C-alpha cells in the first residue's frame, strides 16, 4: 500500500510542478485594456498606445525583478550552505 501511495504522490508533485513557472506575468497589474480605458483614454489613440506600452514595461520590469530575486536567492544559498 505504501509504495502505491508514494508513487501517486510523486506523480502528483511532478504534475503540479509543471504548473509553476517563474516567467509568468504578474497578476497584480490586472487587465491593461481595462486600466487604460478607465483613465479615459480612447482605444486606438496615441495615448492608448502609450498607456499599453507603459503597462508592458511595468510588467517586464516586475518579471525582471522576480527573476533577479530568484537568482540572488540561489546565489545566497550556494554561498551559504547549511550543513546539518
N, C-alpha and C. Protein backbone atom coordinates (compact mmCIF):
# COMPACT_ATOMS: atom_id res chain seq x y z
N UNK A 1 0.82 -1.20 0.00
CA UNK A 1 0.00 0.00 0.00
C UNK A 1 0.87 1.27 0.00
N UNK A 2 1.91 1.27 0.80
CA UNK A 2 2.78 2.44 0.90
C UNK A 2 3.48 2.78 -0.41
N UNK A 3 4.02 1.80 -1.15
CA UNK A 3 4.67 2.16 -2.43
C UNK A 3 3.70 2.78 -3.43
N UNK A 4 2.46 2.31 -3.47
CA UNK A 4 1.49 2.89 -4.39
C UNK A 4 1.19 4.34 -4.03
N UNK A 5 1.04 4.59 -2.75
CA UNK A 5 0.77 5.96 -2.28
C UNK A 5 1.95 6.87 -2.61
N UNK A 6 3.15 6.36 -2.38
CA UNK A 6 4.35 7.15 -2.66
C UNK A 6 4.47 7.46 -4.15
N UNK A 7 4.19 6.48 -4.98
CA UNK A 7 4.25 6.69 -6.42
C UNK A 7 3.19 7.70 -6.86
N UNK A 8 1.98 7.57 -6.31
CA UNK A 8 0.90 8.50 -6.66
C UNK A 8 1.25 9.93 -6.24
N UNK A 9 1.81 10.10 -5.06
CA UNK A 9 2.21 11.42 -4.59
C UNK A 9 3.34 12.00 -5.44
N UNK A 10 4.25 11.15 -5.88
CA UNK A 10 5.34 11.61 -6.73
C UNK A 10 4.81 12.13 -8.06
N UNK A 11 3.89 11.36 -8.67
CA UNK A 11 3.32 11.82 -9.94
C UNK A 11 2.51 13.09 -9.76
N UNK A 12 1.79 13.21 -8.65
CA UNK A 12 1.02 14.43 -8.39
C UNK A 12 1.95 15.63 -8.22
N UNK A 13 3.06 15.43 -7.52
CA UNK A 13 4.01 16.53 -7.32
C UNK A 13 4.64 16.97 -8.64
N UNK A 14 4.97 16.00 -9.49
CA UNK A 14 5.55 16.35 -10.79
C UNK A 14 4.54 17.10 -11.65
N UNK A 15 3.29 16.64 -11.63
CA UNK A 15 2.25 17.31 -12.43
C UNK A 15 2.01 18.73 -11.95
N UNK A 16 1.99 18.94 -10.64
CA UNK A 16 1.77 20.29 -10.12
C UNK A 16 2.98 21.19 -10.32
N UNK A 17 4.16 20.62 -10.32
CA UNK A 17 5.36 21.43 -10.54
C UNK A 17 5.37 22.01 -11.94
N UNK A 18 4.75 21.34 -12.89
CA UNK A 18 4.67 21.85 -14.25
C UNK A 18 3.80 23.08 -14.36
N UNK A 19 2.92 23.30 -13.39
CA UNK A 19 2.04 24.46 -13.41
C UNK A 19 2.75 25.74 -12.99
N UNK A 20 3.80 25.59 -12.23
CA UNK A 20 4.52 26.76 -11.72
C UNK A 20 5.59 27.19 -12.72
N UNK A 21 5.63 28.46 -12.98
CA UNK A 21 6.65 28.99 -13.87
C UNK A 21 7.06 30.35 -13.37
N UNK A 22 8.35 30.58 -13.32
CA UNK A 22 8.79 31.88 -12.83
C UNK A 22 8.73 32.95 -13.90
N UNK A 23 8.35 32.56 -15.13
CA UNK A 23 8.25 33.52 -16.21
C UNK A 23 6.82 33.98 -16.45
N UNK A 24 5.90 33.60 -15.57
CA UNK A 24 4.53 34.05 -15.70
C UNK A 24 4.44 35.54 -15.43
N UNK A 25 3.55 36.19 -16.13
CA UNK A 25 3.36 37.63 -15.91
C UNK A 25 2.69 37.85 -14.56
N UNK A 26 3.09 38.86 -13.84
CA UNK A 26 2.47 39.14 -12.55
C UNK A 26 1.00 39.49 -12.72
N UNK A 27 0.19 38.96 -11.83
CA UNK A 27 -1.25 39.19 -11.94
C UNK A 27 -1.68 40.46 -11.22
N UNK A 28 -0.82 41.04 -10.42
CA UNK A 28 -1.21 42.23 -9.66
C UNK A 28 -1.39 43.47 -10.54
N UNK A 29 -0.92 43.42 -11.77
CA UNK A 29 -1.09 44.58 -12.65
C UNK A 29 -2.48 44.62 -13.27
N UNK A 30 -3.16 43.50 -13.33
CA UNK A 30 -4.53 43.48 -13.83
C UNK A 30 -4.61 43.55 -15.34
N UNK A 31 -5.80 43.90 -15.82
CA UNK A 31 -6.07 43.96 -17.26
C UNK A 31 -5.63 45.32 -17.81
N UNK A 32 -4.73 45.29 -18.79
CA UNK A 32 -4.20 46.53 -19.35
C UNK A 32 -5.27 47.34 -20.07
N UNK A 33 -6.10 46.67 -20.84
CA UNK A 33 -7.14 47.36 -21.59
C UNK A 33 -8.11 48.08 -20.65
N UNK A 34 -8.54 47.37 -19.60
CA UNK A 34 -9.47 47.99 -18.65
C UNK A 34 -8.80 49.16 -17.93
N UNK A 35 -7.53 49.01 -17.59
CA UNK A 35 -6.81 50.08 -16.90
C UNK A 35 -6.74 51.33 -17.76
N UNK A 36 -6.38 51.16 -19.03
CA UNK A 36 -6.25 52.31 -19.92
C UNK A 36 -7.60 52.95 -20.22
N UNK A 37 -8.64 52.13 -20.37
CA UNK A 37 -9.97 52.68 -20.65
C UNK A 37 -10.54 53.42 -19.45
N UNK A 38 -10.28 52.95 -18.24
CA UNK A 38 -10.84 53.62 -17.06
C UNK A 38 -10.21 54.99 -16.83
N UNK A 39 -9.05 55.20 -17.40
CA UNK A 39 -8.40 56.51 -17.30
C UNK A 39 -8.88 57.46 -18.40
N UNK A 40 -9.89 57.05 -19.14
CA UNK A 40 -10.50 57.92 -20.13
C UNK A 40 -9.76 58.00 -21.45
N UNK A 41 -8.95 57.01 -21.75
CA UNK A 41 -8.18 57.02 -22.99
C UNK A 41 -8.98 56.25 -24.05
N UNK A 42 -9.16 56.84 -25.22
CA UNK A 42 -9.91 56.21 -26.30
C UNK A 42 -9.06 55.13 -26.98
N UNK A 43 -9.70 54.00 -27.24
CA UNK A 43 -9.00 52.89 -27.88
C UNK A 43 -8.55 53.32 -29.28
N UNK A 44 -7.30 53.03 -29.59
CA UNK A 44 -6.75 53.36 -30.90
C UNK A 44 -6.02 54.69 -30.95
N UNK A 45 -6.16 55.50 -29.93
CA UNK A 45 -5.47 56.79 -29.93
C UNK A 45 -4.01 56.60 -29.54
N UNK A 46 -3.23 57.63 -29.76
CA UNK A 46 -1.80 57.54 -29.41
C UNK A 46 -1.61 57.44 -27.90
N UNK A 47 -2.52 58.05 -27.13
CA UNK A 47 -2.45 57.95 -25.67
C UNK A 47 -2.70 56.52 -25.22
N UNK A 48 -3.64 55.85 -25.91
CA UNK A 48 -3.94 54.45 -25.58
C UNK A 48 -2.73 53.57 -25.86
N UNK A 49 -2.09 53.77 -26.98
CA UNK A 49 -0.90 53.00 -27.33
C UNK A 49 0.20 53.25 -26.30
N UNK A 50 0.38 54.49 -25.91
CA UNK A 50 1.40 54.82 -24.90
C UNK A 50 1.06 54.19 -23.56
N UNK A 51 -0.22 54.20 -23.20
CA UNK A 51 -0.64 53.57 -21.94
C UNK A 51 -0.34 52.08 -21.95
N UNK A 52 -0.67 51.41 -23.06
CA UNK A 52 -0.42 49.97 -23.15
C UNK A 52 1.08 49.68 -23.13
N UNK A 53 1.88 50.52 -23.77
CA UNK A 53 3.34 50.33 -23.75
C UNK A 53 3.88 50.50 -22.34
N UNK A 54 3.38 51.50 -21.62
CA UNK A 54 3.80 51.72 -20.24
C UNK A 54 3.47 50.51 -19.36
N UNK A 55 2.29 49.96 -19.55
CA UNK A 55 1.89 48.78 -18.79
C UNK A 55 2.77 47.58 -19.13
N UNK A 56 3.14 47.46 -20.40
CA UNK A 56 4.01 46.38 -20.82
C UNK A 56 5.39 46.52 -20.18
N UNK A 57 5.88 47.73 -20.12
CA UNK A 57 7.18 47.99 -19.47
C UNK A 57 7.10 47.67 -17.98
N UNK A 58 6.02 48.06 -17.33
CA UNK A 58 5.84 47.75 -15.91
C UNK A 58 5.85 46.24 -15.68
N UNK A 59 5.13 45.51 -16.52
CA UNK A 59 5.07 44.05 -16.39
C UNK A 59 6.46 43.44 -16.62
N UNK A 60 7.16 43.92 -17.62
CA UNK A 60 8.50 43.41 -17.90
C UNK A 60 9.45 43.69 -16.74
N UNK A 61 9.35 44.87 -16.16
CA UNK A 61 10.19 45.20 -15.01
C UNK A 61 9.88 44.32 -13.81
N UNK A 62 8.60 44.00 -13.61
CA UNK A 62 8.21 43.14 -12.49
C UNK A 62 8.76 41.72 -12.69
N UNK A 63 8.72 41.21 -13.92
CA UNK A 63 9.28 39.89 -14.19
C UNK A 63 10.79 39.91 -13.99
N UNK A 64 11.44 40.97 -14.43
CA UNK A 64 12.89 41.09 -14.26
C UNK A 64 13.26 41.13 -12.78
N UNK A 65 12.51 41.88 -11.98
CA UNK A 65 12.77 41.92 -10.54
C UNK A 65 12.59 40.55 -9.89
N UNK A 66 11.54 39.83 -10.29
CA UNK A 66 11.30 38.50 -9.73
C UNK A 66 12.41 37.54 -10.12
N UNK A 67 12.86 37.60 -11.36
CA UNK A 67 13.96 36.74 -11.80
C UNK A 67 15.25 37.06 -11.06
N UNK A 68 15.51 38.35 -10.86
CA UNK A 68 16.71 38.76 -10.14
C UNK A 68 16.66 38.29 -8.69
N UNK A 69 15.50 38.40 -8.06
CA UNK A 69 15.35 37.95 -6.68
C UNK A 69 15.57 36.44 -6.58
N UNK A 70 15.04 35.69 -7.54
CA UNK A 70 15.23 34.24 -7.55
C UNK A 70 16.70 33.89 -7.73
N UNK A 71 17.35 34.57 -8.64
CA UNK A 71 18.78 34.32 -8.88
C UNK A 71 19.61 34.69 -7.66
N UNK A 72 19.30 35.81 -7.03
CA UNK A 72 20.03 36.23 -5.83
C UNK A 72 19.84 35.23 -4.70
N UNK A 73 18.63 34.70 -4.56
CA UNK A 73 18.39 33.70 -3.53
C UNK A 73 19.21 32.45 -3.80
N UNK A 74 19.25 32.01 -5.05
CA UNK A 74 20.06 30.85 -5.39
C UNK A 74 21.54 31.09 -5.13
N UNK A 75 22.02 32.27 -5.48
CA UNK A 75 23.43 32.61 -5.22
C UNK A 75 23.71 32.61 -3.72
N UNK A 76 22.80 33.17 -2.94
CA UNK A 76 22.98 33.19 -1.48
C UNK A 76 23.03 31.78 -0.92
N UNK A 77 22.13 30.93 -1.41
CA UNK A 77 22.09 29.56 -0.91
C UNK A 77 23.35 28.79 -1.29
N UNK A 78 23.91 29.08 -2.46
CA UNK A 78 25.14 28.40 -2.86
C UNK A 78 26.34 28.89 -2.05
N UNK A 79 26.37 30.15 -1.69
CA UNK A 79 27.49 30.71 -0.92
C UNK A 79 27.39 30.38 0.56
N UNK A 80 26.18 30.14 1.06
CA UNK A 80 25.99 29.91 2.49
C UNK A 80 25.25 28.59 2.72
N UNK A 81 25.90 27.48 2.42
CA UNK A 81 25.20 26.20 2.59
C UNK A 81 24.99 25.89 4.07
N UNK A 82 23.90 25.28 4.33
CA UNK A 82 23.57 24.86 5.69
C UNK A 82 23.88 23.37 5.80
N UNK A 83 24.80 23.04 6.63
CA UNK A 83 25.19 21.64 6.80
C UNK A 83 24.71 21.14 8.15
N UNK A 84 23.93 20.05 8.12
CA UNK A 84 23.44 19.51 9.41
C UNK A 84 24.50 18.86 10.23
